[in-house]
Amino acid sequence: MFGAPSRYSAPGARYRDIEVAARVEGATPHGLILIMFDELLKGIDALQALQALPEPARRNAVHARVISLLHGLESSLDYKRGGEIADNLGRIYREARRLLGPTPGMERGTALTQARDMLTTVSGAWEAIGVEVNANLT
């Protein structure tokens, strides 16, 4: 999804797109959020790797995808039923977007690392919830 564009990577990119589409097609609502987190964290990793490369178009495309995933996660929150948890998650997603944008006074790599660390914590908690829910279903 975030691979280097070249004439050799097109088949690989198509394969990754098909793989993600297959995962999405069979996913539960909980699983869809896990997929979004997985793609989000891969995107932040790609942004970190792209910082040293002179490829602004590629960096911008990955950045736009990461921001879009953050918006998707935030829009999936049910603020009425989720209460304080939804409010806190919304704040985390907004802070991650802030860190992924221009961060005056902060080194870019540091901002990306902070955003990734926050989101990794939430992703891990979301994954643990799924394990517990699935254990209770069997």
N, C-alpha and C. Protein backbone atom coordinates (compact mmCIF):
# COMPACT_ATOMS: atom_id res chain seq x y z
N MET A 1 0.81 -1.19 0.00
CA MET A 1 0.00 0.00 0.00
C MET A 1 0.85 1.26 0.00
N PHE A 2 1.95 1.21 0.76
CA PHE A 2 2.80 2.37 0.86
C PHE A 2 4.14 2.12 0.20
N GLY A 3 4.22 1.13 -0.66
CA GLY A 3 5.48 0.76 -1.29
C GLY A 3 5.97 1.80 -2.28
N ALA A 4 7.22 1.65 -2.66
CA ALA A 4 7.85 2.57 -3.59
C ALA A 4 7.24 2.40 -4.98
N PRO A 5 6.90 3.53 -5.63
CA PRO A 5 6.35 3.41 -6.97
C PRO A 5 7.47 3.11 -7.96
N SER A 6 7.29 2.08 -8.73
CA SER A 6 8.21 1.76 -9.81
C SER A 6 7.47 0.83 -10.74
N ARG A 7 8.08 0.59 -11.89
CA ARG A 7 7.39 -0.30 -12.82
C ARG A 7 7.33 -1.72 -12.30
N TYR A 8 8.19 -2.05 -11.33
CA TYR A 8 8.22 -3.39 -10.76
C TYR A 8 7.28 -3.54 -9.56
N SER A 9 6.89 -2.46 -8.96
CA SER A 9 6.07 -2.56 -7.75
C SER A 9 4.58 -2.58 -8.02
N ALA A 10 4.16 -2.27 -9.23
CA ALA A 10 2.73 -2.23 -9.53
C ALA A 10 2.03 -3.56 -9.21
N PRO A 11 2.57 -4.72 -9.63
CA PRO A 11 1.89 -5.97 -9.27
C PRO A 11 1.85 -6.18 -7.75
N GLY A 12 2.91 -5.81 -7.06
CA GLY A 12 2.93 -5.94 -5.59
C GLY A 12 1.89 -5.05 -4.95
N ALA A 13 1.75 -3.82 -5.46
CA ALA A 13 0.76 -2.90 -4.92
C ALA A 13 -0.65 -3.44 -5.15
N ARG A 14 -0.89 -3.99 -6.33
CA ARG A 14 -2.21 -4.56 -6.61
C ARG A 14 -2.49 -5.75 -5.68
N TYR A 15 -1.49 -6.57 -5.45
CA TYR A 15 -1.65 -7.71 -4.54
C TYR A 15 -1.99 -7.22 -3.14
N ARG A 16 -1.28 -6.19 -2.65
CA ARG A 16 -1.57 -5.66 -1.31
C ARG A 16 -2.97 -5.09 -1.25
N ASP A 17 -3.40 -4.39 -2.32
CA ASP A 17 -4.75 -3.85 -2.35
C ASP A 17 -5.79 -4.96 -2.29
N ILE A 18 -5.55 -6.04 -3.02
CA ILE A 18 -6.48 -7.18 -3.01
C ILE A 18 -6.49 -7.83 -1.64
N GLU A 19 -5.31 -7.95 -1.01
CA GLU A 19 -5.22 -8.56 0.31
C GLU A 19 -6.00 -7.74 1.34
N VAL A 20 -5.85 -6.43 1.31
CA VAL A 20 -6.59 -5.57 2.25
C VAL A 20 -8.08 -5.64 1.95
N ALA A 21 -8.45 -5.62 0.67
CA ALA A 21 -9.87 -5.70 0.32
C ALA A 21 -10.49 -7.00 0.81
N ALA A 22 -9.76 -8.10 0.71
CA ALA A 22 -10.27 -9.39 1.19
C ALA A 22 -10.43 -9.37 2.71
N ARG A 23 -9.48 -8.77 3.41
CA ARG A 23 -9.59 -8.67 4.87
C ARG A 23 -10.81 -7.83 5.25
N VAL A 24 -11.02 -6.73 4.54
CA VAL A 24 -12.15 -5.83 4.84
C VAL A 24 -13.47 -6.54 4.58
N GLU A 25 -13.54 -7.27 3.46
CA GLU A 25 -14.79 -7.91 3.08
C GLU A 25 -15.29 -8.89 4.13
N GLY A 26 -14.40 -9.61 4.77
CA GLY A 26 -14.83 -10.60 5.75
C GLY A 26 -14.76 -10.14 7.19
N ALA A 27 -14.49 -8.85 7.41
CA ALA A 27 -14.26 -8.35 8.77
C ALA A 27 -15.56 -7.99 9.49
N THR A 28 -15.51 -8.17 10.78
CA THR A 28 -16.58 -7.68 11.67
C THR A 28 -16.36 -6.17 11.83
N PRO A 29 -17.32 -5.46 12.41
CA PRO A 29 -17.08 -4.03 12.67
C PRO A 29 -15.82 -3.81 13.53
N HIS A 30 -15.62 -4.66 14.52
CA HIS A 30 -14.42 -4.56 15.35
C HIS A 30 -13.17 -4.81 14.50
N GLY A 31 -13.24 -5.79 13.65
CA GLY A 31 -12.13 -6.12 12.77
C GLY A 31 -11.80 -5.00 11.80
N LEU A 32 -12.81 -4.29 11.33
CA LEU A 32 -12.56 -3.16 10.43
C LEU A 32 -11.71 -2.09 11.10
N ILE A 33 -11.99 -1.82 12.37
CA ILE A 33 -11.20 -0.84 13.11
C ILE A 33 -9.77 -1.33 13.25
N LEU A 34 -9.58 -2.63 13.51
CA LEU A 34 -8.23 -3.18 13.60
C LEU A 34 -7.47 -3.02 12.27
N ILE A 35 -8.17 -3.25 11.17
CA ILE A 35 -7.55 -3.07 9.86
C ILE A 35 -7.15 -1.61 9.66
N MET A 36 -8.02 -0.70 10.06
CA MET A 36 -7.69 0.72 9.93
C MET A 36 -6.45 1.07 10.76
N PHE A 37 -6.38 0.55 11.99
CA PHE A 37 -5.20 0.80 12.82
C PHE A 37 -3.95 0.20 12.18
N ASP A 38 -4.06 -1.00 11.65
CA ASP A 38 -2.92 -1.65 11.00
C ASP A 38 -2.41 -0.80 9.84
N GLU A 39 -3.32 -0.35 9.00
CA GLU A 39 -2.93 0.48 7.86
C GLU A 39 -2.39 1.84 8.31
N LEU A 40 -2.97 2.37 9.36
CA LEU A 40 -2.53 3.65 9.92
C LEU A 40 -1.09 3.56 10.42
N LEU A 41 -0.79 2.53 11.19
CA LEU A 41 0.55 2.37 11.74
C LEU A 41 1.57 2.08 10.63
N LYS A 42 1.17 1.32 9.61
CA LYS A 42 2.05 1.11 8.45
C LYS A 42 2.32 2.44 7.75
N GLY A 43 1.30 3.27 7.66
CA GLY A 43 1.45 4.57 7.01
C GLY A 43 2.41 5.48 7.77
N ILE A 44 2.30 5.49 9.09
CA ILE A 44 3.21 6.32 9.89
C ILE A 44 4.64 5.80 9.75
N ASP A 45 4.80 4.47 9.72
CA ASP A 45 6.13 3.90 9.50
C ASP A 45 6.68 4.35 8.15
N ALA A 46 5.83 4.35 7.13
CA ALA A 46 6.26 4.79 5.80
C ALA A 46 6.64 6.27 5.83
N LEU A 47 5.86 7.09 6.53
CA LEU A 47 6.20 8.51 6.64
C LEU A 47 7.56 8.70 7.30
N GLN A 48 7.83 7.91 8.33
CA GLN A 48 9.13 8.01 9.00
C GLN A 48 10.25 7.65 8.03
N ALA A 49 10.05 6.61 7.25
CA ALA A 49 11.08 6.19 6.29
C ALA A 49 11.24 7.22 5.17
N LEU A 50 10.16 7.85 4.77
CA LEU A 50 10.20 8.81 3.66
C LEU A 50 10.78 10.16 4.06
N GLN A 51 10.95 10.42 5.35
CA GLN A 51 11.46 11.72 5.78
C GLN A 51 12.84 12.00 5.19
N ALA A 52 13.64 10.98 5.06
CA ALA A 52 15.02 11.17 4.57
C ALA A 52 15.11 11.17 3.05
N LEU A 53 14.04 10.87 2.36
CA LEU A 53 14.08 10.78 0.91
C LEU A 53 13.50 12.03 0.26
N PRO A 54 14.08 12.43 -0.86
CA PRO A 54 13.57 13.61 -1.56
C PRO A 54 12.40 13.27 -2.49
N GLU A 55 11.33 12.76 -1.91
CA GLU A 55 10.17 12.36 -2.69
C GLU A 55 8.90 12.97 -2.10
N PRO A 56 8.73 14.29 -2.27
CA PRO A 56 7.58 14.95 -1.64
C PRO A 56 6.22 14.44 -2.13
N ALA A 57 6.12 14.06 -3.40
CA ALA A 57 4.82 13.60 -3.91
C ALA A 57 4.42 12.30 -3.21
N ARG A 58 5.36 11.40 -3.05
CA ARG A 58 5.08 10.14 -2.39
C ARG A 58 4.77 10.37 -0.91
N ARG A 59 5.55 11.21 -0.27
CA ARG A 59 5.33 11.54 1.14
C ARG A 59 3.95 12.16 1.33
N ASN A 60 3.58 13.07 0.43
CA ASN A 60 2.26 13.72 0.53
C ASN A 60 1.12 12.73 0.35
N ALA A 61 1.29 11.77 -0.55
CA ALA A 61 0.24 10.76 -0.78
C ALA A 61 0.07 9.89 0.47
N VAL A 62 1.17 9.47 1.06
CA VAL A 62 1.10 8.65 2.28
C VAL A 62 0.50 9.47 3.42
N HIS A 63 0.92 10.72 3.54
CA HIS A 63 0.40 11.60 4.59
C HIS A 63 -1.11 11.76 4.45
N ALA A 64 -1.59 11.97 3.23
CA ALA A 64 -3.03 12.13 3.01
C ALA A 64 -3.78 10.86 3.40
N ARG A 65 -3.23 9.71 3.11
CA ARG A 65 -3.88 8.44 3.48
C ARG A 65 -3.94 8.29 5.00
N VAL A 66 -2.85 8.62 5.68
CA VAL A 66 -2.81 8.52 7.14
C VAL A 66 -3.85 9.46 7.77
N ILE A 67 -3.90 10.68 7.29
CA ILE A 67 -4.88 11.65 7.82
C ILE A 67 -6.30 11.15 7.55
N SER A 68 -6.52 10.58 6.37
CA SER A 68 -7.84 10.05 6.04
C SER A 68 -8.23 8.91 6.98
N LEU A 69 -7.28 8.04 7.30
CA LEU A 69 -7.56 6.95 8.25
C LEU A 69 -7.89 7.50 9.63
N LEU A 70 -7.19 8.53 10.06
CA LEU A 70 -7.49 9.15 11.36
C LEU A 70 -8.89 9.76 11.37
N HIS A 71 -9.25 10.41 10.27
CA HIS A 71 -10.61 10.96 10.18
C HIS A 71 -11.65 9.83 10.21
N GLY A 72 -11.34 8.73 9.53
CA GLY A 72 -12.24 7.58 9.52
C GLY A 72 -12.43 7.00 10.91
N LEU A 73 -11.34 6.88 11.65
CA LEU A 73 -11.45 6.37 13.02
C LEU A 73 -12.28 7.31 13.88
N GLU A 74 -12.03 8.60 13.74
CA GLU A 74 -12.79 9.55 14.57
C GLU A 74 -14.26 9.56 14.18
N SER A 75 -14.55 9.47 12.89
CA SER A 75 -15.95 9.50 12.47
C SER A 75 -16.70 8.23 12.87
N SER A 76 -15.97 7.16 13.20
CA SER A 76 -16.63 5.93 13.63
C SER A 76 -17.05 5.98 15.10
N LEU A 77 -16.63 6.99 15.83
CA LEU A 77 -16.96 7.10 17.25
C LEU A 77 -18.43 7.47 17.44
N ASP A 78 -19.05 6.84 18.40
CA ASP A 78 -20.43 7.16 18.77
C ASP A 78 -20.35 7.97 20.07
N TYR A 79 -20.36 9.30 19.91
CA TYR A 79 -20.18 10.17 21.07
C TYR A 79 -21.34 10.09 22.06
N LYS A 80 -22.54 9.78 21.57
CA LYS A 80 -23.70 9.68 22.49
C LYS A 80 -23.58 8.45 23.39
N ARG A 81 -23.31 7.31 22.79
CA ARG A 81 -23.24 6.07 23.58
C ARG A 81 -21.85 5.84 24.17
N GLY A 82 -20.82 6.39 23.54
CA GLY A 82 -19.45 6.14 23.98
C GLY A 82 -18.99 7.00 25.13
N GLY A 83 -19.69 8.11 25.36
CA GLY A 83 -19.38 8.98 26.49
C GLY A 83 -17.93 9.40 26.58
N GLU A 84 -17.36 9.26 27.75
CA GLU A 84 -16.00 9.73 28.03
C GLU A 84 -14.96 8.99 27.19
N ILE A 85 -15.19 7.70 26.95
CA ILE A 85 -14.23 6.94 26.14
C ILE A 85 -14.18 7.50 24.72
N ALA A 86 -15.33 7.75 24.13
CA ALA A 86 -15.37 8.32 22.78
C ALA A 86 -14.73 9.71 22.76
N ASP A 87 -15.01 10.51 23.77
CA ASP A 87 -14.40 11.84 23.85
C ASP A 87 -12.88 11.74 23.90
N ASN A 88 -12.37 10.84 24.73
CA ASN A 88 -10.91 10.67 24.86
C ASN A 88 -10.28 10.16 23.58
N LEU A 89 -10.93 9.20 22.93
CA LEU A 89 -10.41 8.70 21.66
C LEU A 89 -10.40 9.81 20.60
N GLY A 90 -11.47 10.61 20.57
CA GLY A 90 -11.52 11.73 19.63
C GLY A 90 -10.35 12.69 19.85
N ARG A 91 -10.04 12.96 21.12
CA ARG A 91 -8.91 13.84 21.43
C ARG A 91 -7.58 13.22 20.98
N ILE A 92 -7.45 11.92 21.16
CA ILE A 92 -6.22 11.25 20.73
C ILE A 92 -6.07 11.33 19.22
N TYR A 93 -7.14 11.07 18.49
CA TYR A 93 -7.07 11.13 17.02
C TYR A 93 -6.76 12.55 16.55
N ARG A 94 -7.35 13.56 17.18
CA ARG A 94 -7.06 14.95 16.80
C ARG A 94 -5.61 15.32 17.13
N GLU A 95 -5.11 14.85 18.26
CA GLU A 95 -3.71 15.12 18.63
C GLU A 95 -2.76 14.43 17.65
N ALA A 96 -3.09 13.23 17.24
CA ALA A 96 -2.26 12.53 16.25
C ALA A 96 -2.24 13.31 14.94
N ARG A 97 -3.39 13.83 14.52
CA ARG A 97 -3.42 14.65 13.29
C ARG A 97 -2.56 15.89 13.46
N ARG A 98 -2.63 16.51 14.63
CA ARG A 98 -1.82 17.70 14.88
C ARG A 98 -0.33 17.35 14.77
N LEU A 99 0.06 16.24 15.39
CA LEU A 99 1.46 15.83 15.35
C LEU A 99 1.92 15.47 13.94
N LEU A 100 1.02 14.99 13.12
CA LEU A 100 1.37 14.62 11.75
C LEU A 100 1.43 15.82 10.82
N GLY A 101 0.93 16.96 11.26
CA GLY A 101 1.01 18.17 10.47
C GLY A 101 2.28 18.93 10.82
N PRO A 102 2.38 20.17 10.40
CA PRO A 102 3.53 20.97 10.79
C PRO A 102 3.55 21.13 12.31
N THR A 103 4.67 20.84 12.93
CA THR A 103 4.77 20.89 14.39
C THR A 103 5.87 21.88 14.77
N PRO A 104 5.52 23.16 14.87
CA PRO A 104 6.52 24.17 15.21
C PRO A 104 7.23 23.83 16.52
N GLY A 105 8.53 23.97 16.52
CA GLY A 105 9.32 23.73 17.71
C GLY A 105 9.60 22.27 17.99
N MET A 106 9.12 21.37 17.11
CA MET A 106 9.34 19.94 17.34
C MET A 106 9.95 19.32 16.08
N GLU A 107 10.94 18.49 16.27
CA GLU A 107 11.56 17.78 15.16
C GLU A 107 10.54 16.82 14.56
N ARG A 108 10.51 16.72 13.25
CA ARG A 108 9.51 15.92 12.54
C ARG A 108 9.51 14.45 13.00
N GLY A 109 10.69 13.87 13.12
CA GLY A 109 10.78 12.48 13.54
C GLY A 109 10.21 12.26 14.92
N THR A 110 10.44 13.21 15.81
CA THR A 110 9.91 13.12 17.17
C THR A 110 8.39 13.17 17.17
N ALA A 111 7.83 14.07 16.35
CA ALA A 111 6.37 14.18 16.27
C ALA A 111 5.76 12.90 15.72
N LEU A 112 6.37 12.32 14.69
CA LEU A 112 5.86 11.07 14.13
C LEU A 112 5.93 9.94 15.16
N THR A 113 7.02 9.89 15.90
CA THR A 113 7.17 8.86 16.93
C THR A 113 6.12 9.01 18.02
N GLN A 114 5.86 10.23 18.45
CA GLN A 114 4.83 10.46 19.48
C GLN A 114 3.46 10.03 18.98
N ALA A 115 3.14 10.40 17.74
CA ALA A 115 1.84 10.03 17.17
C ALA A 115 1.74 8.50 17.08
N ARG A 116 2.79 7.85 16.62
CA ARG A 116 2.76 6.39 16.48
C ARG A 116 2.62 5.72 17.85
N ASP A 117 3.33 6.21 18.84
CA ASP A 117 3.26 5.63 20.18
C ASP A 117 1.84 5.72 20.75
N MET A 118 1.21 6.89 20.61
CA MET A 118 -0.17 7.05 21.10
C MET A 118 -1.11 6.07 20.41
N LEU A 119 -1.00 6.00 19.10
CA LEU A 119 -1.91 5.18 18.32
C LEU A 119 -1.64 3.69 18.53
N THR A 120 -0.39 3.33 18.77
CA THR A 120 -0.06 1.93 19.06
C THR A 120 -0.73 1.49 20.36
N THR A 121 -0.73 2.37 21.34
CA THR A 121 -1.38 2.07 22.62
C THR A 121 -2.87 1.83 22.42
N VAL A 122 -3.52 2.69 21.68
CA VAL A 122 -4.97 2.54 21.44
C VAL A 122 -5.23 1.28 20.62
N SER A 123 -4.41 1.05 19.61
CA SER A 123 -4.56 -0.14 18.77
C SER A 123 -4.42 -1.42 19.60
N GLY A 124 -3.44 -1.44 20.50
CA GLY A 124 -3.25 -2.61 21.36
C GLY A 124 -4.44 -2.85 22.26
N ALA A 125 -5.00 -1.77 22.79
CA ALA A 125 -6.19 -1.90 23.65
C ALA A 125 -7.37 -2.42 22.83
N TRP A 126 -7.51 -1.91 21.62
CA TRP A 126 -8.61 -2.34 20.75
C TRP A 126 -8.46 -3.82 20.41
N GLU A 127 -7.23 -4.24 20.15
CA GLU A 127 -6.97 -5.65 19.85
C GLU A 127 -7.30 -6.52 21.07
N ALA A 128 -6.92 -6.08 22.26
CA ALA A 128 -7.18 -6.84 23.48
C ALA A 128 -8.68 -6.98 23.73
N ILE A 129 -9.43 -5.93 23.43
CA ILE A 129 -10.89 -6.00 23.58
C ILE A 129 -11.44 -7.08 22.67
N GLY A 130 -10.95 -7.15 21.46
CA GLY A 130 -11.41 -8.16 20.51
C GLY A 130 -11.10 -9.57 20.97
N VAL A 131 -9.93 -9.77 21.54
CA VAL A 131 -9.56 -11.09 22.05
C VAL A 131 -10.51 -11.50 23.16
N GLU A 132 -10.81 -10.57 24.05
CA GLU A 132 -11.72 -10.89 25.16
C GLU A 132 -13.13 -11.16 24.67
N VAL A 133 -13.60 -10.32 23.74
CA VAL A 133 -14.96 -10.52 23.20
C VAL A 133 -15.06 -11.87 22.51
N ASN A 134 -14.06 -12.21 21.69
CA ASN A 134 -14.07 -13.48 20.99
C ASN A 134 -14.00 -14.65 21.96
N ALA A 135 -13.25 -14.52 23.05
CA ALA A 135 -13.15 -15.59 24.05
C ALA A 135 -14.50 -15.81 24.73
N ASN A 136 -15.24 -14.73 24.94
CA ASN A 136 -16.55 -14.83 25.58
C ASN A 136 -17.62 -15.41 24.64
N LEU A 137 -17.37 -15.34 23.35
CA LEU A 137 -18.34 -15.87 22.38
C LEU A 137 -18.21 -17.39 22.22
N THR A 138 -17.08 -17.94 22.60
CA THR A 138 -16.88 -19.38 22.40
C THR A 138 -17.16 -20.17 23.65
